[in-house]
C-alpha atoms as a PDB file:
ATOM      1  CA  UNK A   1       0.000   0.000   0.000  1.00  0.00           C
ATOM      2  CA  UNK A   2       2.837   2.388   0.867  1.00  0.00           C
ATOM      3  CA  UNK A   3       4.509   1.554  -2.424  1.00  0.00           C
ATOM      4  CA  UNK A   4       1.267   2.370  -4.305  1.00  0.00           C
ATOM      5  CA  UNK A   5       1.067   5.744  -2.525  1.00  0.00           C
ATOM      6  CA  UNK A   6       4.677   6.539  -3.488  1.00  0.00           C
ATOM      7  CA  UNK A   7       4.025   5.606  -7.126  1.00  0.00           C
ATOM      8  CA  UNK A   8       0.874   7.739  -7.218  1.00  0.00           C
ATOM      9  CA  UNK A   9       2.771  10.629  -5.619  1.00  0.00           C
ATOM     10  CA  UNK A  10       5.502  10.335  -8.274  1.00  0.00           C
ATOM     11  CA  UNK A  11       2.900  10.300 -11.052  1.00  0.00           C
ATOM     12  CA  UNK A  12       1.151  13.389  -9.638  1.00  0.00           C
ATOM     13  CA  UNK A  13       4.465  15.238  -9.218  1.00  0.00           C
ATOM     14  CA  UNK A  14       5.628  14.309 -12.696  1.00  0.00           C
ATOM     15  CA  UNK A  15       2.287  15.359 -14.139  1.00  0.00           C
ATOM     16  CA  UNK A  16       2.320  18.683 -12.314  1.00  0.00           C
ATOM     17  CA  UNK A  17       5.817  19.408 -13.625  1.00  0.00           C
ATOM     18  CA  UNK A  18       4.766  18.553 -17.179  1.00  0.00           C
ATOM     19  CA  UNK A  19       1.476  20.495 -17.284  1.00  0.00           C
ATOM     20  CA  UNK A  20       2.859  23.976 -16.407  1.00  0.00           C
ATOM     21  CA  UNK A  21       5.617  23.546 -19.015  1.00  0.00           C
ATOM     22  CA  UNK A  22       2.998  22.586 -21.580  1.00  0.00           C
ATOM     23  CA  UNK A  23       0.973  25.681 -20.643  1.00  0.00           C
ATOM     24  CA  UNK A  24       4.043  27.923 -20.971  1.00  0.00           C
ATOM     25  CA  UNK A  25       4.832  26.458 -24.381  1.00  0.00           C
ATOM     26  CA  UNK A  26       1.220  26.918 -25.410  1.00  0.00           C
ATOM     27  CA  UNK A  27       1.213  30.582 -24.328  1.00  0.00           C
ATOM     28  CA  UNK A  28       4.512  31.163 -26.064  1.00  0.00           C
ATOM     29  CA  UNK A  29       3.167  29.727 -29.305  1.00  0.00           C
ATOM     30  CA  UNK A  30      -0.005  31.803 -28.996  1.00  0.00           C
ATOM     31  CA  UNK A  31       2.069  34.955 -28.447  1.00  0.00           C
ATOM     32  CA  UNK A  32       4.103  34.198 -31.567  1.00  0.00           C
ATOM     33  CA  UNK A  33       0.943  33.662 -33.613  1.00  0.00           C
ATOM     34  CA  UNK A  34      -0.621  36.887 -32.328  1.00  0.00           C
ATOM     35  CA  UNK A  35       2.604  38.824 -32.908  1.00  0.00           C
ATOM     36  CA  UNK A  36       2.685  37.543 -36.468  1.00  0.00           C
ATOM     37  CA  UNK A  37      -0.914  38.676 -36.989  1.00  0.00           C
ATOM     38  CA  UNK A  38       0.057  42.289 -36.350  1.00  0.00           C
ATOM     39  CA  UNK A  39       3.324  42.366 -38.268  1.00  0.00           C
ATOM     40  CA  UNK A  40       3.631  44.852 -41.108  1.00  0.00           C
ATOM     41  CA  UNK A  41       5.925  42.556 -43.099  1.00  0.00           C
ATOM     42  CA  UNK A  42       3.643  41.350 -45.893  1.00  0.00           C
ATOM     43  CA  UNK A  43       5.979  38.456 -46.757  1.00  0.00           C
ATOM     44  CA  UNK A  44       5.579  36.878 -43.303  1.00  0.00           C
ATOM     45  CA  UNK A  45       1.807  37.154 -42.888  1.00  0.00           C
ATOM     46  CA  UNK A  46      -0.985  39.045 -44.615  1.00  0.00           C
ATOM     47  CA  UNK A  47      -2.107  42.241 -42.951  1.00  0.00           C
ATOM     48  CA  UNK A  48      -5.038  41.964 -40.588  1.00  0.00           C
ATOM     49  CA  UNK A  49      -6.618  45.223 -41.755  1.00  0.00           C
ATOM     50  CA  UNK A  50      -5.957  47.279 -44.883  1.00  0.00           C
ATOM     51  CA  UNK A  51      -6.658  50.968 -45.407  1.00  0.00           C
ATOM     52  CA  UNK A  52      -7.527  51.833 -49.002  1.00  0.00           C
ATOM     53  CA  UNK A  53      -8.853  54.764 -51.021  1.00  0.00           C
ATOM     54  CA  UNK A  54      -7.836  57.540 -48.614  1.00  0.00           C
ATOM     55  CA  UNK A  55      -9.595  60.763 -49.591  1.00  0.00           C
ATOM     56  CA  UNK A  56     -10.178  64.264 -48.333  1.00  0.00           C
ATOM     57  CA  UNK A  57     -13.536  65.993 -48.054  1.00  0.00           C
ATOM     58  CA  UNK A  58     -13.730  68.162 -50.089  1.00  0.00           C
ATOM     59  CA  UNK A  59     -11.628  66.530 -52.808  1.00  0.00           C
ATOM     60  CA  UNK A  60      -9.963  69.837 -53.768  1.00  0.00           C
ATOM     61  CA  UNK A  61      -8.391  71.681 -50.828  1.00  0.00           C
ATOM     62  CA  UNK A  62      -7.320  75.336 -50.742  1.00  0.00           C
ATOM     63  CA  UNK A  63      -4.959  77.195 -48.402  1.00  0.00           C
ATOM     64  CA  UNK A  64      -6.875  78.296 -45.300  1.00  0.00           C
ATOM     65  CA  UNK A  65      -9.595  75.686 -45.745  1.00  0.00           C
ATOM     66  CA  UNK A  66     -10.610  73.061 -43.198  1.00  0.00           C
ATOM     67  CA  UNK A  67     -11.096  69.519 -44.462  1.00  0.00           C
ATOM     68  CA  UNK A  68     -11.946  65.986 -43.361  1.00  0.00           C
ATOM     69  CA  UNK A  69     -10.566  62.564 -44.253  1.00  0.00           C
ATOM     70  CA  UNK A  70     -12.101  59.220 -45.098  1.00  0.00           C
ATOM     71  CA  UNK A  71     -10.786  55.801 -46.048  1.00  0.00           C
ATOM     72  CA  UNK A  72     -12.059  52.350 -46.884  1.00  0.00           C
ATOM     73  CA  UNK A  73     -11.037  49.795 -44.250  1.00  0.00           C
ATOM     74  CA  UNK A  74     -10.998  46.092 -45.111  1.00  0.00           C
ATOM     75  CA  UNK A  75     -10.511  43.113 -42.780  1.00  0.00           C
ATOM     76  CA  UNK A  76      -8.058  40.774 -44.515  1.00  0.00           C
ATOM     77  CA  UNK A  77      -7.278  38.719 -41.409  1.00  0.00           C
ATOM     78  CA  UNK A  78      -8.851  35.592 -39.984  1.00  0.00           C
ATOM     79  CA  UNK A  79     -10.399  37.172 -36.870  1.00  0.00           C
ATOM     80  CA  UNK A  80     -13.096  39.854 -36.589  1.00  0.00           C
ATOM     81  CA  UNK A  81     -11.800  43.335 -35.766  1.00  0.00           C
ATOM     82  CA  UNK A  82     -13.501  46.137 -33.832  1.00  0.00           C
ATOM     83  CA  UNK A  83     -13.090  49.926 -34.033  1.00  0.00           C
ATOM     84  CA  UNK A  84     -15.132  53.099 -33.712  1.00  0.00           C
ATOM     85  CA  UNK A  85     -16.037  54.429 -37.131  1.00  0.00           C
ATOM     86  CA  UNK A  86     -19.039  56.706 -36.755  1.00  0.00           C
ATOM     87  CA  UNK A  87     -19.113  60.311 -37.952  1.00  0.00           C
ATOM     88  CA  UNK A  88     -19.199  61.678 -34.441  1.00  0.00           C
ATOM     89  CA  UNK A  89     -16.468  59.737 -32.654  1.00  0.00           C
ATOM     90  CA  UNK A  90     -14.330  58.090 -35.319  1.00  0.00           C
ATOM     91  CA  UNK A  91     -10.922  56.801 -34.239  1.00  0.00           C
ATOM     92  CA  UNK A  92      -9.451  57.354 -37.719  1.00  0.00           C
ATOM     93  CA  UNK A  93      -6.882  60.156 -37.765  1.00  0.00           C
ATOM     94  CA  UNK A  94      -4.026  61.468 -39.884  1.00  0.00           C
ATOM     95  CA  UNK A  95      -0.591  62.876 -39.187  1.00  0.00           C
ATOM     96  CA  UNK A  96       0.371  65.564 -41.703  1.00  0.00           C
ATOM     97  CA  UNK A  97       3.576  67.430 -42.442  1.00  0.00           C
ATOM     98  CA  UNK A  98       3.859  71.152 -41.658  1.00  0.00           C
ATOM     99  CA  UNK A  99       1.579  72.189 -44.540  1.00  0.00           C
ATOM    100  CA  UNK A 100      -1.473  71.078 -42.549  1.00  0.00           C
ATOM    101  CA  UNK A 101      -2.398  72.172 -39.045  1.00  0.00           C
ATOM    102  CA  UNK A 102      -4.180  69.858 -36.655  1.00  0.00           C
ATOM    103  CA  UNK A 103      -6.109  71.452 -33.837  1.00  0.00           C
ATOM    104  CA  UNK A 104      -8.463  70.169 -31.205  1.00  0.00           C
ATOM    105  CA  UNK A 105     -12.121  70.799 -31.823  1.00  0.00           C
ATOM    106  CA  UNK A 106     -15.169  70.072 -29.721  1.00  0.00           C
ATOM    107  CA  UNK A 107     -16.173  66.453 -30.040  1.00  0.00           C
ATOM    108  CA  UNK A 108     -19.804  65.502 -30.090  1.00  0.00           C
ATOM    109  CA  UNK A 109     -20.964  63.693 -26.977  1.00  0.00           C
ATOM    110  CA  UNK A 110     -22.873  60.910 -28.700  1.00  0.00           C
ATOM    111  CA  UNK A 111     -21.351  57.507 -27.930  1.00  0.00           C
ATOM    112  CA  UNK A 112     -21.410  55.007 -30.745  1.00  0.00           C
ATOM    113  CA  UNK A 113     -21.390  51.250 -30.857  1.00  0.00           C
ATOM    114  CA  UNK A 114     -18.100  49.930 -32.242  1.00  0.00           C
ATOM    115  CA  UNK A 115     -18.056  48.519 -35.745  1.00  0.00           C
ATOM    116  CA  UNK A 116     -17.304  44.790 -35.935  1.00  0.00           C
ATOM    117  CA  UNK A 117     -15.705  43.948 -39.253  1.00  0.00           C
ATOM    118  CA  UNK A 118     -15.597  40.241 -40.120  1.00  0.00           C
ATOM    119  CA  UNK A 119     -13.103  38.649 -42.506  1.00  0.00           C
ATOM    120  CA  UNK A 120     -13.476  40.022 -46.038  1.00  0.00           C
ATOM    121  CA  UNK A 121     -15.818  42.861 -45.053  1.00  0.00           C
ATOM    122  CA  UNK A 122     -15.059  46.525 -45.681  1.00  0.00           C
ATOM    123  CA  UNK A 123     -16.459  49.844 -44.537  1.00  0.00           C
ATOM    124  CA  UNK A 124     -15.842  53.549 -45.186  1.00  0.00           C
ATOM    125  CA  UNK A 125     -14.485  55.338 -42.125  1.00  0.00           C
ATOM    126  CA  UNK A 126     -14.530  59.137 -41.826  1.00  0.00           C
ATOM    127  CA  UNK A 127     -12.998  61.755 -39.551  1.00  0.00           C
ATOM    128  CA  UNK A 128     -15.128  64.867 -39.931  1.00  0.00           C
ATOM    129  CA  UNK A 129     -13.201  68.058 -39.154  1.00  0.00           C
ATOM    130  CA  UNK A 130     -14.760  70.063 -36.345  1.00  0.00           C
ATOM    131  CA  UNK A 131     -17.188  67.297 -35.362  1.00  0.00           C
ATOM    132  CA  UNK A 132     -15.055  64.437 -34.122  1.00  0.00           C
ATOM    133  CA  UNK A 133     -12.528  66.243 -31.918  1.00  0.00           C
ATOM    134  CA  UNK A 134      -9.906  67.201 -34.522  1.00  0.00           C
ATOM    135  CA  UNK A 135      -9.812  69.864 -37.226  1.00  0.00           C
ATOM    136  CA  UNK A 136      -7.426  69.711 -40.193  1.00  0.00           C
ATOM    137  CA  UNK A 137      -6.599  73.037 -41.879  1.00  0.00           C
ATOM    138  CA  UNK A 138      -4.471  73.580 -44.996  1.00  0.00           C
ATOM    139  CA  UNK A 139      -1.725  76.141 -44.267  1.00  0.00           C
ATOM    140  CA  UNK A 140       0.519  76.151 -47.303  1.00  0.00           C
ATOM    141  CA  UNK A 141       0.218  75.499 -51.028  1.00  0.00           C
ATOM    142  CA  UNK A 142       1.804  72.329 -52.410  1.00  0.00           C
ATOM    143  CA  UNK A 143       1.959  68.604 -51.814  1.00  0.00           C
ATOM    144  CA  UNK A 144       1.451  67.499 -48.191  1.00  0.00           C
ATOM    145  CA  UNK A 145       2.633  64.080 -47.048  1.00  0.00           C
ATOM    146  CA  UNK A 146       0.496  62.308 -44.481  1.00  0.00           C
ATOM    147  CA  UNK A 147      -0.159  59.013 -42.787  1.00  0.00           C
ATOM    148  CA  UNK A 148      -3.655  57.847 -41.894  1.00  0.00           C
ATOM    149  CA  UNK A 149      -3.951  55.691 -38.770  1.00  0.00           C
ATOM    150  CA  UNK A 150      -6.783  53.602 -37.370  1.00  0.00           C
ATOM    151  CA  UNK A 151      -6.525  51.930 -33.959  1.00  0.00           C
ATOM    152  CA  UNK A 152      -8.468  48.659 -33.771  1.00  0.00           C
ATOM    153  CA  UNK A 153      -8.870  45.486 -31.744  1.00  0.00           C
ATOM    154  CA  UNK A 154      -8.390  41.953 -33.052  1.00  0.00           C
ATOM    155  CA  UNK A 155     -11.118  39.790 -31.493  1.00  0.00           C
ATOM    156  CA  UNK A 156      -9.353  36.475 -30.826  1.00  0.00           C
ATOM    157  CA  UNK A 157     -12.294  35.208 -28.768  1.00  0.00           C
ATOM    158  CA  UNK A 158     -15.281  36.652 -26.914  1.00  0.00           C
ATOM    159  CA  UNK A 159     -12.997  37.582 -24.014  1.00  0.00           C
ATOM    160  CA  UNK A 160      -9.578  38.087 -25.632  1.00  0.00           C
ATOM    161  CA  UNK A 161      -8.599  41.023 -27.839  1.00  0.00           C
ATOM    162  CA  UNK A 162      -5.337  42.508 -29.056  1.00  0.00           C
ATOM    163  CA  UNK A 163      -4.914  46.251 -29.529  1.00  0.00           C
ATOM    164  CA  UNK A 164      -3.354  47.148 -32.845  1.00  0.00           C
ATOM    165  CA  UNK A 165      -3.011  49.937 -35.439  1.00  0.00           C
ATOM    166  CA  UNK A 166      -3.124  50.108 -39.177  1.00  0.00           C
ATOM    167  CA  UNK A 167      -1.739  52.965 -41.203  1.00  0.00           C
ATOM    168  CA  UNK A 168      -0.999  53.981 -44.740  1.00  0.00           C
ATOM    169  CA  UNK A 169       0.751  56.922 -46.365  1.00  0.00           C
ATOM    170  CA  UNK A 170      -0.971  59.315 -48.720  1.00  0.00           C
ATOM    171  CA  UNK A 171      -0.489  62.774 -50.240  1.00  0.00           C
ATOM    172  CA  UNK A 172      -2.792  65.766 -50.324  1.00  0.00           C
ATOM    173  CA  UNK A 173      -2.516  68.547 -52.893  1.00  0.00           C
ATOM    174  CA  UNK A 174      -3.178  71.970 -51.389  1.00  0.00           C
ATOM    175  CA  UNK A 175      -4.161  74.582 -53.948  1.00  0.00           C
ATOM    176  CA  UNK A 176      -3.518  78.340 -53.687  1.00  0.00           C
ATOM    177  CA  UNK A 177      -5.901  80.358 -51.573  1.00  0.00           C
ATOM    178  CA  UNK A 178      -9.185  81.127 -53.312  1.00  0.00           C
ATOM    179  CA  UNK A 179      -9.530  84.791 -54.251  1.00  0.00           C
ATOM    180  CA  UNK A 180     -12.787  86.357 -53.265  1.00  0.00           C
END
């Protein structure tokens, strides 16, 4: 009987040593997979989200004029993604060179439900100047370089998400000031 207890104790100890190692390996593998999902190296893995067709509103911008941005966002990954994409509180934003000024503007107080974009789906996302907390204003004539950015969450499961960003470069042509 004592020998049986010792054997059972050895089995339990051996099992408890094996299980945590298996869990660590499993977490490590999951971290590698999730890291690869958010990589920007297209040769390693496809992008999770793509930003396409970046435009300004209005299409033709003049010095001194305020404008907005919009882009088509497509989920090219295997998991659903979530972000805020309503006119009032869009998370889409752009970083411009010195030819465009960004200033804070009052944001509307309406809270929106996040957009859930499943694999293969796409949606137009807008950042309306003066309505969604940021105003873009053209300061100088010429070509302005910019990068549009959209924060989003990758929904791995109902309880697990990963915060990520997608961005893409674009140019804006700023025309001379309109004479009145």
